Amino acid sequence: MDSSSYGSDSGSAQRTRLFGRERPIHAVLGGGKVADVLLWRDTRVSAAILFGSAAIWFLFEVVEYTFVTLFCHIFITTMLVVFIWSAGADFFKWKPPRLPETILEEPAIRDVASTFHKKINDFLSELLYVASGNNPKLFFLVCKLSNIFLQNKTNLTVP
């Protein structure tokens, strides 16, 4: 056997790595917090990520929860907690929650509303233009596509 593969020229034993790597896995993974989590050196964070992803998998796959339903339930629960906290603040002598009075400025809301209003008006005027027979090619295309869509919808609901 070749003795140079087991040690260096000075005779000290060289550490052999799995699959012939030259760098440790921690260095290959970046050597930071991500490597610590992936190699389970930070066990609390690694376990929290594992259990969190397992809980999300359980909710979405096993229980067949949808994202919108989950979001709504979280939002309603948060509103309930804030309501109980505000209502019980005087009774239990707690500090009431600080809620911002204005999150969005009024001019920003008006800009969004006017942009949305303009887009809807443009869409409806184009729809009226096509429906009145001024663009028959587009009219028949829309009729055909809506017919296909409605046929597919009815085929999906009828077993």
N, C-alpha and C. Protein backbone atom coordinates (compact mmCIF):
# COMPACT_ATOMS: atom_id res chain seq x y z
N MET A 1 0.83 -1.18 0.00
CA MET A 1 0.00 0.00 0.00
C MET A 1 0.87 1.24 0.00
N ASP A 2 0.28 2.32 -0.52
CA ASP A 2 1.00 3.59 -0.58
C ASP A 2 0.87 4.28 0.77
N SER A 3 1.99 4.50 1.43
CA SER A 3 1.98 5.10 2.76
C SER A 3 1.74 6.60 2.71
N SER A 4 1.89 7.23 1.54
CA SER A 4 1.70 8.68 1.45
C SER A 4 0.23 9.06 1.56
N SER A 5 -0.67 8.12 1.27
CA SER A 5 -2.09 8.43 1.38
C SER A 5 -2.55 8.44 2.82
N TYR A 6 -1.81 7.83 3.72
CA TYR A 6 -2.21 7.78 5.11
C TYR A 6 -1.55 8.87 5.95
N GLY A 7 -0.59 9.55 5.47
CA GLY A 7 0.07 10.57 6.27
C GLY A 7 0.84 11.52 5.38
N SER A 8 1.26 12.62 5.96
CA SER A 8 2.04 13.59 5.22
C SER A 8 3.51 13.17 5.26
N ASP A 9 4.35 14.00 4.64
CA ASP A 9 5.77 13.68 4.58
C ASP A 9 6.42 13.70 5.96
N SER A 10 5.87 14.50 6.88
CA SER A 10 6.47 14.59 8.21
C SER A 10 6.07 13.42 9.09
N GLY A 11 5.16 12.59 8.62
CA GLY A 11 4.80 11.40 9.37
C GLY A 11 3.56 11.56 10.23
N SER A 12 2.95 12.76 10.31
CA SER A 12 1.75 12.93 11.12
C SER A 12 0.55 12.34 10.38
N ALA A 13 -0.40 11.83 11.11
CA ALA A 13 -1.57 11.18 10.51
C ALA A 13 -2.51 12.22 9.93
N GLN A 14 -2.93 11.99 8.71
CA GLN A 14 -3.84 12.91 8.04
C GLN A 14 -5.27 12.39 8.23
N ARG A 15 -6.19 13.29 8.49
CA ARG A 15 -7.58 12.91 8.72
C ARG A 15 -8.25 12.65 7.37
N THR A 16 -8.82 11.46 7.22
CA THR A 16 -9.51 11.14 5.96
C THR A 16 -10.95 11.58 6.07
N ARG A 17 -11.48 12.13 5.00
CA ARG A 17 -12.85 12.64 4.98
C ARG A 17 -13.69 11.76 4.05
N LEU A 18 -14.97 11.72 4.35
CA LEU A 18 -15.91 10.94 3.58
C LEU A 18 -15.96 11.46 2.14
N PHE A 19 -15.99 10.59 1.18
CA PHE A 19 -16.05 10.88 -0.25
C PHE A 19 -14.85 11.69 -0.74
N GLY A 20 -13.75 11.68 -0.04
CA GLY A 20 -12.53 12.34 -0.48
C GLY A 20 -12.59 13.86 -0.49
N ARG A 21 -13.39 14.45 0.39
CA ARG A 21 -13.49 15.90 0.45
C ARG A 21 -12.22 16.50 1.06
N GLU A 22 -11.94 17.73 0.69
CA GLU A 22 -10.80 18.42 1.27
C GLU A 22 -11.23 19.38 2.38
N ARG A 23 -12.46 19.88 2.31
CA ARG A 23 -12.98 20.80 3.32
C ARG A 23 -14.05 20.11 4.15
N PRO A 24 -14.23 20.53 5.39
CA PRO A 24 -15.32 19.95 6.20
C PRO A 24 -16.68 20.39 5.66
N ILE A 25 -17.72 19.61 5.99
CA ILE A 25 -19.07 19.89 5.50
C ILE A 25 -19.54 21.25 5.99
N HIS A 26 -19.17 21.64 7.21
CA HIS A 26 -19.58 22.93 7.75
C HIS A 26 -19.06 24.06 6.86
N ALA A 27 -17.85 23.94 6.38
CA ALA A 27 -17.29 24.97 5.49
C ALA A 27 -17.95 24.92 4.12
N VAL A 28 -18.29 23.72 3.64
CA VAL A 28 -18.94 23.59 2.33
C VAL A 28 -20.32 24.25 2.37
N LEU A 29 -21.02 24.13 3.49
CA LEU A 29 -22.36 24.71 3.63
C LEU A 29 -22.33 26.20 3.94
N GLY A 30 -21.17 26.80 4.01
CA GLY A 30 -21.08 28.24 4.22
C GLY A 30 -20.50 28.62 5.56
N GLY A 31 -20.50 27.73 6.51
CA GLY A 31 -19.87 27.97 7.79
C GLY A 31 -20.61 28.92 8.72
N GLY A 32 -21.81 29.32 8.41
CA GLY A 32 -22.54 30.26 9.25
C GLY A 32 -23.68 29.59 10.00
N LYS A 33 -24.70 30.41 10.29
CA LYS A 33 -25.85 29.90 11.04
C LYS A 33 -26.64 28.86 10.24
N VAL A 34 -26.67 29.02 8.92
CA VAL A 34 -27.39 28.04 8.09
C VAL A 34 -26.73 26.68 8.21
N ALA A 35 -25.40 26.66 8.16
CA ALA A 35 -24.68 25.39 8.30
C ALA A 35 -24.91 24.80 9.68
N ASP A 36 -24.94 25.65 10.72
CA ASP A 36 -25.21 25.16 12.07
C ASP A 36 -26.59 24.51 12.16
N VAL A 37 -27.60 25.13 11.52
CA VAL A 37 -28.95 24.58 11.57
C VAL A 37 -29.02 23.28 10.77
N LEU A 38 -28.43 23.27 9.58
CA LEU A 38 -28.49 22.06 8.75
C LEU A 38 -27.74 20.88 9.37
N LEU A 39 -26.67 21.16 10.09
CA LEU A 39 -25.90 20.08 10.72
C LEU A 39 -26.33 19.83 12.17
N TRP A 40 -27.42 20.43 12.60
CA TRP A 40 -27.99 20.26 13.94
C TRP A 40 -27.01 20.65 15.04
N ARG A 41 -26.17 21.65 14.79
CA ARG A 41 -25.31 22.16 15.86
C ARG A 41 -26.10 23.12 16.74
N ASP A 42 -27.07 23.81 16.17
CA ASP A 42 -28.00 24.64 16.93
C ASP A 42 -29.31 23.86 17.01
N THR A 43 -29.41 23.01 18.03
CA THR A 43 -30.50 22.04 18.09
C THR A 43 -31.87 22.69 18.29
N ARG A 44 -31.92 23.78 19.03
CA ARG A 44 -33.23 24.41 19.27
C ARG A 44 -33.82 24.97 17.98
N VAL A 45 -33.02 25.67 17.21
CA VAL A 45 -33.52 26.24 15.95
C VAL A 45 -33.83 25.13 14.96
N SER A 46 -32.97 24.12 14.88
CA SER A 46 -33.21 23.01 13.97
C SER A 46 -34.49 22.27 14.32
N ALA A 47 -34.71 22.03 15.61
CA ALA A 47 -35.93 21.34 16.04
C ALA A 47 -37.16 22.20 15.80
N ALA A 48 -37.06 23.51 16.01
CA ALA A 48 -38.19 24.41 15.76
C ALA A 48 -38.55 24.41 14.28
N ILE A 49 -37.56 24.43 13.41
CA ILE A 49 -37.82 24.40 11.97
C ILE A 49 -38.44 23.06 11.58
N LEU A 50 -37.93 21.97 12.12
CA LEU A 50 -38.49 20.65 11.82
C LEU A 50 -39.93 20.53 12.27
N PHE A 51 -40.22 20.91 13.52
CA PHE A 51 -41.59 20.79 14.02
C PHE A 51 -42.52 21.78 13.34
N GLY A 52 -42.03 22.98 13.02
CA GLY A 52 -42.86 23.96 12.31
C GLY A 52 -43.23 23.47 10.92
N SER A 53 -42.25 22.95 10.19
CA SER A 53 -42.55 22.43 8.85
C SER A 53 -43.43 21.19 8.93
N ALA A 54 -43.26 20.36 9.96
CA ALA A 54 -44.13 19.20 10.12
C ALA A 54 -45.56 19.62 10.43
N ALA A 55 -45.73 20.68 11.24
CA ALA A 55 -47.07 21.18 11.55
C ALA A 55 -47.73 21.76 10.30
N ILE A 56 -46.96 22.49 9.51
CA ILE A 56 -47.51 23.06 8.26
C ILE A 56 -47.89 21.94 7.31
N TRP A 57 -47.03 20.93 7.19
CA TRP A 57 -47.36 19.78 6.33
C TRP A 57 -48.63 19.09 6.81
N PHE A 58 -48.74 18.89 8.14
CA PHE A 58 -49.91 18.23 8.70
C PHE A 58 -51.17 19.03 8.40
N LEU A 59 -51.12 20.36 8.57
CA LEU A 59 -52.30 21.18 8.33
C LEU A 59 -52.71 21.16 6.86
N PHE A 60 -51.75 21.30 5.96
CA PHE A 60 -52.11 21.42 4.55
C PHE A 60 -52.37 20.08 3.87
N GLU A 61 -51.66 19.05 4.23
CA GLU A 61 -51.80 17.76 3.55
C GLU A 61 -52.76 16.81 4.25
N VAL A 62 -52.62 16.64 5.54
CA VAL A 62 -53.44 15.65 6.25
C VAL A 62 -54.82 16.21 6.55
N VAL A 63 -54.87 17.39 7.14
CA VAL A 63 -56.14 17.99 7.52
C VAL A 63 -56.81 18.67 6.33
N GLU A 64 -56.08 18.87 5.25
CA GLU A 64 -56.54 19.53 4.03
C GLU A 64 -57.03 20.95 4.29
N TYR A 65 -56.28 21.67 5.12
CA TYR A 65 -56.53 23.08 5.38
C TYR A 65 -56.05 23.87 4.17
N THR A 66 -56.70 24.98 3.89
CA THR A 66 -56.22 25.84 2.81
C THR A 66 -55.54 27.06 3.42
N PHE A 67 -54.72 27.71 2.62
CA PHE A 67 -53.97 28.86 3.12
C PHE A 67 -54.91 30.00 3.52
N VAL A 68 -55.93 30.23 2.73
CA VAL A 68 -56.86 31.33 3.02
C VAL A 68 -57.59 31.07 4.33
N THR A 69 -58.03 29.85 4.55
CA THR A 69 -58.71 29.51 5.79
C THR A 69 -57.78 29.67 6.98
N LEU A 70 -56.55 29.19 6.84
CA LEU A 70 -55.58 29.33 7.91
C LEU A 70 -55.31 30.80 8.20
N PHE A 71 -55.12 31.61 7.17
CA PHE A 71 -54.88 33.03 7.34
C PHE A 71 -56.05 33.70 8.05
N CYS A 72 -57.27 33.37 7.65
CA CYS A 72 -58.46 33.97 8.28
C CYS A 72 -58.58 33.56 9.74
N HIS A 73 -58.33 32.30 10.04
CA HIS A 73 -58.41 31.86 11.44
C HIS A 73 -57.35 32.53 12.30
N ILE A 74 -56.15 32.69 11.78
CA ILE A 74 -55.09 33.38 12.52
C ILE A 74 -55.48 34.84 12.74
N PHE A 75 -56.03 35.48 11.71
CA PHE A 75 -56.43 36.88 11.80
C PHE A 75 -57.56 37.05 12.82
N ILE A 76 -58.56 36.18 12.79
CA ILE A 76 -59.68 36.27 13.73
C ILE A 76 -59.21 36.02 15.16
N THR A 77 -58.31 35.06 15.35
CA THR A 77 -57.77 34.79 16.68
C THR A 77 -56.98 35.99 17.20
N THR A 78 -56.21 36.62 16.34
CA THR A 78 -55.46 37.81 16.73
C THR A 78 -56.41 38.93 17.13
N MET A 79 -57.48 39.12 16.37
CA MET A 79 -58.46 40.15 16.73
C MET A 79 -59.12 39.84 18.07
N LEU A 80 -59.41 38.57 18.33
CA LEU A 80 -60.01 38.18 19.59
C LEU A 80 -59.06 38.46 20.77
N VAL A 81 -57.79 38.12 20.60
CA VAL A 81 -56.81 38.36 21.66
C VAL A 81 -56.67 39.85 21.94
N VAL A 82 -56.59 40.66 20.90
CA VAL A 82 -56.48 42.10 21.09
C VAL A 82 -57.73 42.66 21.75
N PHE A 83 -58.91 42.15 21.37
CA PHE A 83 -60.15 42.60 21.99
C PHE A 83 -60.19 42.25 23.48
N ILE A 84 -59.84 41.01 23.81
CA ILE A 84 -59.85 40.60 25.22
C ILE A 84 -58.81 41.39 26.01
N TRP A 85 -57.65 41.63 25.42
CA TRP A 85 -56.60 42.40 26.07
C TRP A 85 -57.09 43.83 26.33
N SER A 86 -57.73 44.46 25.33
CA SER A 86 -58.20 45.83 25.52
C SER A 86 -59.34 45.89 26.54
N ALA A 87 -60.27 44.91 26.46
CA ALA A 87 -61.41 44.92 27.38
C ALA A 87 -60.98 44.59 28.81
N GLY A 88 -60.01 43.72 28.96
CA GLY A 88 -59.58 43.34 30.30
C GLY A 88 -58.49 44.20 30.88
N ALA A 89 -58.03 45.20 30.14
CA ALA A 89 -56.93 46.03 30.62
C ALA A 89 -57.33 46.82 31.87
N ASP A 90 -58.53 47.38 31.89
CA ASP A 90 -58.98 48.13 33.07
C ASP A 90 -59.27 47.20 34.24
N PHE A 91 -59.91 46.08 33.96
CA PHE A 91 -60.32 45.16 35.02
C PHE A 91 -59.12 44.54 35.73
N PHE A 92 -58.12 44.10 34.96
CA PHE A 92 -56.94 43.45 35.55
C PHE A 92 -55.79 44.41 35.77
N LYS A 93 -55.99 45.69 35.47
CA LYS A 93 -54.97 46.72 35.60
C LYS A 93 -53.74 46.40 34.75
N TRP A 94 -54.03 45.96 33.53
CA TRP A 94 -52.96 45.71 32.55
C TRP A 94 -52.73 46.98 31.76
N LYS A 95 -51.63 47.00 31.09
CA LYS A 95 -51.36 48.08 30.16
C LYS A 95 -52.10 47.78 28.86
N PRO A 96 -52.96 48.67 28.37
CA PRO A 96 -53.71 48.37 27.14
C PRO A 96 -52.79 48.30 25.93
N PRO A 97 -53.19 47.55 24.91
CA PRO A 97 -52.33 47.43 23.72
C PRO A 97 -52.27 48.76 22.97
N ARG A 98 -51.10 49.03 22.42
CA ARG A 98 -50.94 50.24 21.60
C ARG A 98 -51.23 49.88 20.15
N LEU A 99 -52.28 50.44 19.63
CA LEU A 99 -52.66 50.19 18.25
C LEU A 99 -52.50 51.49 17.47
N PRO A 100 -51.87 51.44 16.31
CA PRO A 100 -51.72 52.67 15.54
C PRO A 100 -53.08 53.14 15.01
N GLU A 101 -53.28 54.45 15.05
CA GLU A 101 -54.55 54.97 14.60
C GLU A 101 -54.64 55.01 13.08
N THR A 102 -53.56 55.38 12.43
CA THR A 102 -53.55 55.46 10.98
C THR A 102 -52.35 54.67 10.47
N ILE A 103 -52.63 53.65 9.69
CA ILE A 103 -51.56 52.86 9.12
C ILE A 103 -51.21 53.39 7.74
N LEU A 104 -52.22 53.68 6.93
CA LEU A 104 -52.02 54.20 5.58
C LEU A 104 -52.53 55.63 5.51
N GLU A 105 -51.81 56.45 4.79
CA GLU A 105 -52.22 57.84 4.63
C GLU A 105 -53.38 57.92 3.63
N GLU A 106 -54.21 58.93 3.79
CA GLU A 106 -55.38 59.08 2.94
C GLU A 106 -55.04 59.34 1.47
N PRO A 107 -54.01 60.14 1.15
CA PRO A 107 -53.69 60.32 -0.28
C PRO A 107 -53.26 59.02 -0.97
N ALA A 108 -52.58 58.15 -0.25
CA ALA A 108 -52.18 56.87 -0.85
C ALA A 108 -53.40 56.02 -1.17
N ILE A 109 -54.37 56.00 -0.27
CA ILE A 109 -55.60 55.25 -0.50
C ILE A 109 -56.37 55.82 -1.69
N ARG A 110 -56.43 57.15 -1.78
CA ARG A 110 -57.12 57.79 -2.90
C ARG A 110 -56.44 57.47 -4.22
N ASP A 111 -55.11 57.46 -4.25
CA ASP A 111 -54.39 57.13 -5.48
C ASP A 111 -54.69 55.70 -5.92
N VAL A 112 -54.68 54.77 -4.99
CA VAL A 112 -54.98 53.38 -5.32
C VAL A 112 -56.41 53.24 -5.81
N ALA A 113 -57.34 53.90 -5.12
CA ALA A 113 -58.74 53.82 -5.50
C ALA A 113 -58.98 54.43 -6.88
N SER A 114 -58.33 55.56 -7.17
CA SER A 114 -58.54 56.19 -8.49
C SER A 114 -57.92 55.34 -9.60
N THR A 115 -56.77 54.72 -9.34
CA THR A 115 -56.16 53.84 -10.33
C THR A 115 -57.05 52.62 -10.59
N PHE A 116 -57.56 52.03 -9.52
CA PHE A 116 -58.44 50.87 -9.64
C PHE A 116 -59.72 51.26 -10.39
N HIS A 117 -60.27 52.42 -10.07
CA HIS A 117 -61.47 52.92 -10.72
C HIS A 117 -61.23 53.12 -12.22
N LYS A 118 -60.09 53.69 -12.58
CA LYS A 118 -59.76 53.92 -13.99
C LYS A 118 -59.62 52.60 -14.74
N LYS A 119 -58.95 51.62 -14.14
CA LYS A 119 -58.77 50.31 -14.79
C LYS A 119 -60.12 49.63 -15.03
N ILE A 120 -61.00 49.68 -14.04
CA ILE A 120 -62.32 49.06 -14.19
C ILE A 120 -63.13 49.77 -15.27
N ASN A 121 -63.09 51.10 -15.30
CA ASN A 121 -63.81 51.84 -16.33
C ASN A 121 -63.28 51.52 -17.72
N ASP A 122 -61.95 51.41 -17.86
CA ASP A 122 -61.37 51.06 -19.16
C ASP A 122 -61.83 49.66 -19.60
N PHE A 123 -61.82 48.72 -18.65
CA PHE A 123 -62.26 47.35 -18.96
C PHE A 123 -63.72 47.33 -19.38
N LEU A 124 -64.57 48.04 -18.63
CA LEU A 124 -66.00 48.04 -18.95
C LEU A 124 -66.29 48.75 -20.27
N SER A 125 -65.55 49.81 -20.59
CA SER A 125 -65.78 50.48 -21.88
C SER A 125 -65.34 49.58 -23.03
N GLU A 126 -64.24 48.83 -22.86
CA GLU A 126 -63.81 47.88 -23.89
C GLU A 126 -64.83 46.75 -24.03
N LEU A 127 -65.37 46.29 -22.91
CA LEU A 127 -66.39 45.25 -22.93
C LEU A 127 -67.65 45.75 -23.66
N LEU A 128 -68.05 46.97 -23.40
CA LEU A 128 -69.20 47.54 -24.08
C LEU A 128 -68.94 47.68 -25.58
N TYR A 129 -67.73 48.07 -25.93
CA TYR A 129 -67.35 48.23 -27.34
C TYR A 129 -67.46 46.89 -28.08
N VAL A 130 -66.94 45.82 -27.44
CA VAL A 130 -66.98 44.49 -28.06
C VAL A 130 -68.40 43.95 -28.08
N ALA A 131 -69.15 44.13 -26.99
CA ALA A 131 -70.51 43.58 -26.90
C ALA A 131 -71.49 44.28 -27.84
N SER A 132 -71.20 45.53 -28.20
CA SER A 132 -72.11 46.24 -29.10
C SER A 132 -71.89 45.87 -30.56
N GLY A 133 -70.94 45.01 -30.84
CA GLY A 133 -70.74 44.50 -32.19
C GLY A 133 -69.73 45.27 -33.01
N ASN A 134 -68.97 46.15 -32.42
CA ASN A 134 -67.96 46.92 -33.15
C ASN A 134 -66.73 46.10 -33.48
N ASN A 135 -66.48 45.04 -32.74
CA ASN A 135 -65.32 44.18 -33.00
C ASN A 135 -65.82 42.73 -32.99
N PRO A 136 -66.39 42.26 -34.11
CA PRO A 136 -67.01 40.92 -34.11
C PRO A 136 -66.01 39.79 -33.91
N LYS A 137 -64.79 39.96 -34.38
CA LYS A 137 -63.79 38.89 -34.23
C LYS A 137 -63.50 38.65 -32.74
N LEU A 138 -63.29 39.72 -32.01
CA LEU A 138 -63.04 39.60 -30.58
C LEU A 138 -64.29 39.12 -29.84
N PHE A 139 -65.47 39.55 -30.30
CA PHE A 139 -66.72 39.13 -29.68
C PHE A 139 -66.88 37.61 -29.77
N PHE A 140 -66.67 37.06 -30.97
CA PHE A 140 -66.82 35.61 -31.13
C PHE A 140 -65.72 34.84 -30.41
N LEU A 141 -64.54 35.41 -30.32
CA LEU A 141 -63.46 34.77 -29.56
C LEU A 141 -63.83 34.68 -28.08
N VAL A 142 -64.35 35.78 -27.54
CA VAL A 142 -64.75 35.78 -26.13
C VAL A 142 -65.91 34.81 -25.91
N CYS A 143 -66.86 34.77 -26.83
CA CYS A 143 -67.99 33.83 -26.70
C CYS A 143 -67.50 32.39 -26.71
N LYS A 144 -66.57 32.08 -27.60
CA LYS A 144 -66.04 30.72 -27.69
C LYS A 144 -65.27 30.35 -26.43
N LEU A 145 -64.42 31.27 -25.95
CA LEU A 145 -63.65 30.99 -24.74
C LEU A 145 -64.55 30.83 -23.52
N SER A 146 -65.57 31.67 -23.41
CA SER A 146 -66.47 31.54 -22.27
C SER A 146 -67.27 30.24 -22.36
N ASN A 147 -67.63 29.82 -23.57
CA ASN A 147 -68.33 28.55 -23.75
C ASN A 147 -67.44 27.38 -23.32
N ILE A 148 -66.18 27.41 -23.74
CA ILE A 148 -65.25 26.35 -23.35
C ILE A 148 -65.07 26.34 -21.84
N PHE A 149 -64.94 27.53 -21.25
CA PHE A 149 -64.77 27.62 -19.80
C PHE A 149 -65.98 27.06 -19.07
N LEU A 150 -67.17 27.43 -19.51
CA LEU A 150 -68.37 26.94 -18.84
C LEU A 150 -68.56 25.44 -19.02
N GLN A 151 -68.19 24.90 -20.18
CA GLN A 151 -68.28 23.45 -20.38
C GLN A 151 -67.31 22.73 -19.47
N ASN A 152 -66.12 23.25 -19.32
CA ASN A 152 -65.13 22.63 -18.43
C ASN A 152 -65.59 22.70 -16.99
N LYS A 153 -66.20 23.80 -16.59
CA LYS A 153 -66.68 23.94 -15.22
C LYS A 153 -67.78 22.92 -14.93
N THR A 154 -68.70 22.75 -15.88
CA THR A 154 -69.78 21.80 -15.64
C THR A 154 -69.27 20.37 -15.66
N ASN A 155 -68.25 20.08 -16.45
CA ASN A 155 -67.69 18.74 -16.47
C ASN A 155 -66.97 18.42 -15.18
N LEU A 156 -66.40 19.45 -14.55
CA LEU A 156 -65.69 19.21 -13.29
C LEU A 156 -66.65 18.96 -12.14
N THR A 157 -67.82 19.56 -12.18
CA THR A 157 -68.74 19.43 -11.04
C THR A 157 -69.62 18.20 -11.16
N VAL A 158 -69.88 17.73 -12.38
CA VAL A 158 -70.74 16.56 -12.55
C VAL A 158 -69.86 15.32 -12.55
N PRO A 159 -70.12 14.34 -11.68
CA PRO A 159 -69.26 13.14 -11.64
C PRO A 159 -69.46 12.23 -12.82
